[in-house]
Amino acid sequence: MSRVEDMVRVDEMGVYEVSRWYSLFEAVNFIADECDERNIDFESVRLEPLHMRKYIEKTCDIFARKLDEENAIAAKSAKELREASTLRG
């Protein structure tokens, strides 16, 4: 593992990059869940890079849209909080 200083922080990534990582995370978790249901050792499963890539490409845009929506909601909430605090003080 690399040093902490060399690690990339999620808040330094763009929406697209975060979405691709999240898609990979979801793919691996899906496979792990399937292994659990079928009583198969996860370590014995051969992960197919092409299949993983296809899954990431199919789901990345979906996750990017969700992140954009969440970012818009968070920005709106932050703006409303700032406005409310200005009115009070």
N, C-alpha and C. Protein backbone atom coordinates (compact mmCIF):
# COMPACT_ATOMS: atom_id res chain seq x y z
N MET A 1 0.84 -1.18 0.00
CA MET A 1 0.00 0.00 0.00
C MET A 1 0.89 1.24 0.00
N SER A 2 0.43 2.25 -0.67
CA SER A 2 1.23 3.46 -0.75
C SER A 2 1.07 4.30 0.51
N ARG A 3 1.91 5.29 0.60
CA ARG A 3 1.85 6.20 1.75
C ARG A 3 0.56 7.00 1.71
N VAL A 4 0.12 7.46 2.85
CA VAL A 4 -1.10 8.24 2.96
C VAL A 4 -1.02 9.49 2.10
N GLU A 5 0.15 10.11 2.02
CA GLU A 5 0.30 11.34 1.24
C GLU A 5 0.07 11.08 -0.25
N ASP A 6 0.31 9.85 -0.69
CA ASP A 6 0.16 9.52 -2.10
C ASP A 6 -1.26 9.11 -2.48
N MET A 7 -2.11 8.90 -1.52
CA MET A 7 -3.47 8.46 -1.80
C MET A 7 -4.30 9.61 -2.33
N VAL A 8 -5.20 9.28 -3.24
CA VAL A 8 -6.10 10.28 -3.81
C VAL A 8 -7.35 10.33 -2.95
N ARG A 9 -7.78 11.52 -2.66
CA ARG A 9 -8.99 11.70 -1.87
C ARG A 9 -10.19 11.79 -2.80
N VAL A 10 -11.31 11.26 -2.37
CA VAL A 10 -12.52 11.27 -3.18
C VAL A 10 -12.94 12.70 -3.51
N ASP A 11 -12.79 13.61 -2.56
CA ASP A 11 -13.23 14.98 -2.83
C ASP A 11 -12.33 15.70 -3.85
N GLU A 12 -11.21 15.07 -4.23
CA GLU A 12 -10.34 15.63 -5.26
C GLU A 12 -10.64 15.03 -6.63
N MET A 13 -11.54 14.06 -6.68
CA MET A 13 -11.89 13.40 -7.94
C MET A 13 -13.10 14.10 -8.56
N GLY A 14 -13.19 13.99 -9.87
CA GLY A 14 -14.37 14.47 -10.57
C GLY A 14 -15.51 13.48 -10.44
N VAL A 15 -16.69 13.91 -10.81
CA VAL A 15 -17.88 13.05 -10.72
C VAL A 15 -17.70 11.78 -11.54
N TYR A 16 -17.16 11.91 -12.74
CA TYR A 16 -16.99 10.74 -13.61
C TYR A 16 -16.05 9.73 -12.98
N GLU A 17 -14.94 10.19 -12.43
CA GLU A 17 -13.97 9.28 -11.83
C GLU A 17 -14.55 8.58 -10.61
N VAL A 18 -15.24 9.32 -9.78
CA VAL A 18 -15.88 8.72 -8.60
C VAL A 18 -16.91 7.68 -9.06
N SER A 19 -17.65 8.00 -10.10
CA SER A 19 -18.68 7.08 -10.60
C SER A 19 -18.06 5.79 -11.11
N ARG A 20 -16.92 5.88 -11.78
CA ARG A 20 -16.26 4.66 -12.28
C ARG A 20 -15.75 3.81 -11.11
N TRP A 21 -15.17 4.44 -10.10
CA TRP A 21 -14.71 3.68 -8.93
C TRP A 21 -15.90 3.04 -8.21
N TYR A 22 -17.01 3.80 -8.08
CA TYR A 22 -18.18 3.26 -7.40
C TYR A 22 -18.77 2.08 -8.19
N SER A 23 -18.74 2.18 -9.51
CA SER A 23 -19.22 1.07 -10.34
C SER A 23 -18.39 -0.18 -10.12
N LEU A 24 -17.07 -0.02 -10.03
CA LEU A 24 -16.18 -1.15 -9.75
C LEU A 24 -16.50 -1.74 -8.37
N PHE A 25 -16.67 -0.86 -7.39
CA PHE A 25 -17.01 -1.28 -6.03
C PHE A 25 -18.30 -2.10 -6.03
N GLU A 26 -19.31 -1.60 -6.74
CA GLU A 26 -20.59 -2.30 -6.82
C GLU A 26 -20.45 -3.66 -7.51
N ALA A 27 -19.66 -3.72 -8.56
CA ALA A 27 -19.46 -4.98 -9.28
C ALA A 27 -18.82 -6.03 -8.38
N VAL A 28 -17.79 -5.64 -7.67
CA VAL A 28 -17.11 -6.58 -6.77
C VAL A 28 -18.04 -7.01 -5.64
N ASN A 29 -18.79 -6.09 -5.10
CA ASN A 29 -19.74 -6.45 -4.04
C ASN A 29 -20.83 -7.38 -4.55
N PHE A 30 -21.30 -7.16 -5.78
CA PHE A 30 -22.31 -8.04 -6.35
C PHE A 30 -21.76 -9.46 -6.48
N ILE A 31 -20.54 -9.58 -6.98
CA ILE A 31 -19.91 -10.89 -7.13
C ILE A 31 -19.71 -11.55 -5.76
N ALA A 32 -19.29 -10.77 -4.78
CA ALA A 32 -19.09 -11.31 -3.42
C ALA A 32 -20.42 -11.80 -2.84
N ASP A 33 -21.49 -11.06 -3.06
CA ASP A 33 -22.80 -11.49 -2.58
C ASP A 33 -23.25 -12.79 -3.24
N GLU A 34 -23.02 -12.88 -4.55
CA GLU A 34 -23.36 -14.11 -5.27
C GLU A 34 -22.55 -15.29 -4.73
N CYS A 35 -21.29 -15.06 -4.45
CA CYS A 35 -20.44 -16.12 -3.88
C CYS A 35 -20.99 -16.58 -2.53
N ASP A 36 -21.39 -15.62 -1.70
CA ASP A 36 -21.96 -15.97 -0.40
C ASP A 36 -23.22 -16.81 -0.55
N GLU A 37 -24.10 -16.40 -1.46
CA GLU A 37 -25.36 -17.13 -1.66
C GLU A 37 -25.12 -18.55 -2.16
N ARG A 38 -24.08 -18.72 -2.94
CA ARG A 38 -23.81 -20.03 -3.54
C ARG A 38 -22.74 -20.82 -2.78
N ASN A 39 -22.31 -20.29 -1.65
CA ASN A 39 -21.27 -20.93 -0.84
C ASN A 39 -20.00 -21.21 -1.64
N ILE A 40 -19.57 -20.20 -2.39
CA ILE A 40 -18.34 -20.28 -3.17
C ILE A 40 -17.32 -19.34 -2.56
N ASP A 41 -16.09 -19.81 -2.45
CA ASP A 41 -15.02 -18.96 -1.93
C ASP A 41 -14.72 -17.85 -2.94
N PHE A 42 -14.82 -16.61 -2.52
CA PHE A 42 -14.59 -15.47 -3.40
C PHE A 42 -13.20 -15.53 -4.03
N GLU A 43 -12.21 -15.98 -3.27
CA GLU A 43 -10.83 -16.05 -3.76
C GLU A 43 -10.69 -17.03 -4.93
N SER A 44 -11.61 -17.99 -5.04
CA SER A 44 -11.51 -18.98 -6.11
C SER A 44 -12.17 -18.52 -7.40
N VAL A 45 -12.87 -17.40 -7.35
CA VAL A 45 -13.58 -16.89 -8.53
C VAL A 45 -12.61 -16.10 -9.40
N ARG A 46 -12.64 -16.38 -10.69
CA ARG A 46 -11.81 -15.62 -11.62
C ARG A 46 -12.63 -14.44 -12.11
N LEU A 47 -12.20 -13.24 -11.76
CA LEU A 47 -12.89 -12.03 -12.20
C LEU A 47 -12.50 -11.75 -13.65
N GLU A 48 -13.49 -11.59 -14.49
CA GLU A 48 -13.26 -11.36 -15.91
C GLU A 48 -13.16 -9.86 -16.16
N PRO A 49 -11.99 -9.37 -16.51
CA PRO A 49 -11.81 -7.92 -16.71
C PRO A 49 -12.77 -7.33 -17.74
N LEU A 50 -13.03 -8.05 -18.83
CA LEU A 50 -13.92 -7.54 -19.85
C LEU A 50 -15.34 -7.39 -19.32
N HIS A 51 -15.79 -8.37 -18.56
CA HIS A 51 -17.14 -8.28 -17.97
C HIS A 51 -17.22 -7.14 -16.95
N MET A 52 -16.17 -7.01 -16.18
CA MET A 52 -16.14 -5.91 -15.19
C MET A 52 -16.18 -4.57 -15.91
N ARG A 53 -15.40 -4.45 -16.97
CA ARG A 53 -15.37 -3.19 -17.72
C ARG A 53 -16.73 -2.87 -18.32
N LYS A 54 -17.39 -3.87 -18.88
CA LYS A 54 -18.73 -3.66 -19.45
C LYS A 54 -19.71 -3.19 -18.37
N TYR A 55 -19.65 -3.82 -17.20
CA TYR A 55 -20.52 -3.41 -16.11
C TYR A 55 -20.24 -1.96 -15.71
N ILE A 56 -18.98 -1.62 -15.59
CA ILE A 56 -18.60 -0.25 -15.21
C ILE A 56 -19.11 0.74 -16.26
N GLU A 57 -18.95 0.43 -17.52
CA GLU A 57 -19.41 1.31 -18.58
C GLU A 57 -20.93 1.46 -18.58
N LYS A 58 -21.64 0.37 -18.25
CA LYS A 58 -23.11 0.43 -18.22
C LYS A 58 -23.64 1.23 -17.03
N THR A 59 -22.94 1.16 -15.91
CA THR A 59 -23.48 1.77 -14.69
C THR A 59 -22.87 3.13 -14.35
N CYS A 60 -21.75 3.46 -14.94
CA CYS A 60 -21.04 4.69 -14.59
C CYS A 60 -21.92 5.93 -14.77
N ASP A 61 -22.61 6.02 -15.89
CA ASP A 61 -23.46 7.19 -16.15
C ASP A 61 -24.61 7.29 -15.15
N ILE A 62 -25.13 6.15 -14.75
CA ILE A 62 -26.22 6.14 -13.76
C ILE A 62 -25.72 6.73 -12.44
N PHE A 63 -24.55 6.26 -11.99
CA PHE A 63 -23.99 6.77 -10.74
C PHE A 63 -23.60 8.24 -10.86
N ALA A 64 -23.11 8.65 -12.03
CA ALA A 64 -22.73 10.05 -12.24
C ALA A 64 -23.96 10.95 -12.13
N ARG A 65 -25.07 10.53 -12.72
CA ARG A 65 -26.32 11.32 -12.61
C ARG A 65 -26.78 11.43 -11.16
N LYS A 66 -26.69 10.31 -10.43
CA LYS A 66 -27.09 10.34 -9.02
C LYS A 66 -26.19 11.28 -8.22
N LEU A 67 -24.89 11.23 -8.48
CA LEU A 67 -23.97 12.14 -7.78
C LEU A 67 -24.26 13.59 -8.11
N ASP A 68 -24.53 13.87 -9.39
CA ASP A 68 -24.87 15.24 -9.78
C ASP A 68 -26.13 15.71 -9.07
N GLU A 69 -27.13 14.83 -8.98
CA GLU A 69 -28.37 15.18 -8.28
C GLU A 69 -28.09 15.45 -6.80
N GLU A 70 -27.30 14.58 -6.17
CA GLU A 70 -26.98 14.76 -4.76
C GLU A 70 -26.17 16.04 -4.53
N ASN A 71 -25.25 16.34 -5.44
CA ASN A 71 -24.47 17.57 -5.32
C ASN A 71 -25.36 18.80 -5.46
N ALA A 72 -26.34 18.75 -6.37
CA ALA A 72 -27.26 19.86 -6.55
C ALA A 72 -28.12 20.06 -5.30
N ILE A 73 -28.58 18.96 -4.72
CA ILE A 73 -29.39 19.04 -3.50
C ILE A 73 -28.56 19.60 -2.34
N ALA A 74 -27.33 19.13 -2.22
CA ALA A 74 -26.45 19.62 -1.15
C ALA A 74 -26.15 21.10 -1.34
N ALA A 75 -25.92 21.53 -2.57
CA ALA A 75 -25.65 22.95 -2.82
C ALA A 75 -26.86 23.80 -2.49
N LYS A 76 -28.05 23.31 -2.85
CA LYS A 76 -29.28 24.05 -2.56
C LYS A 76 -29.49 24.15 -1.05
N SER A 77 -29.25 23.06 -0.34
CA SER A 77 -29.40 23.06 1.12
C SER A 77 -28.41 24.01 1.77
N ALA A 78 -27.17 24.00 1.30
CA ALA A 78 -26.16 24.90 1.85
C ALA A 78 -26.54 26.36 1.61
N LYS A 79 -27.07 26.64 0.43
CA LYS A 79 -27.50 28.01 0.12
C LYS A 79 -28.64 28.42 1.03
N GLU A 80 -29.61 27.54 1.24
CA GLU A 80 -30.74 27.84 2.11
C GLU A 80 -30.29 28.07 3.55
N LEU A 81 -29.32 27.28 4.01
CA LEU A 81 -28.79 27.46 5.37
C LEU A 81 -28.08 28.82 5.51
N ARG A 82 -27.30 29.19 4.49
CA ARG A 82 -26.63 30.49 4.53
C ARG A 82 -27.65 31.62 4.56
N GLU A 83 -28.68 31.51 3.73
CA GLU A 83 -29.70 32.56 3.68
C GLU A 83 -30.45 32.63 5.01
N ALA A 84 -30.76 31.50 5.60
CA ALA A 84 -31.48 31.49 6.89
C ALA A 84 -30.62 32.09 7.99
N SER A 85 -29.33 31.80 7.99
CA SER A 85 -28.47 32.35 9.02
C SER A 85 -28.29 33.86 8.83
N THR A 86 -28.34 34.33 7.60
CA THR A 86 -28.23 35.76 7.33
C THR A 86 -29.47 36.50 7.82
N LEU A 87 -30.62 35.87 7.66
CA LEU A 87 -31.88 36.48 8.10
C LEU A 87 -31.94 36.58 9.63
N ARG A 88 -31.37 35.58 10.30
CA ARG A 88 -31.40 35.59 11.77
C ARG A 88 -30.42 36.58 12.37
N GLY A 89 -29.32 36.76 11.71
CA GLY A 89 -28.26 37.52 12.35
C GLY A 89 -28.05 38.81 11.70
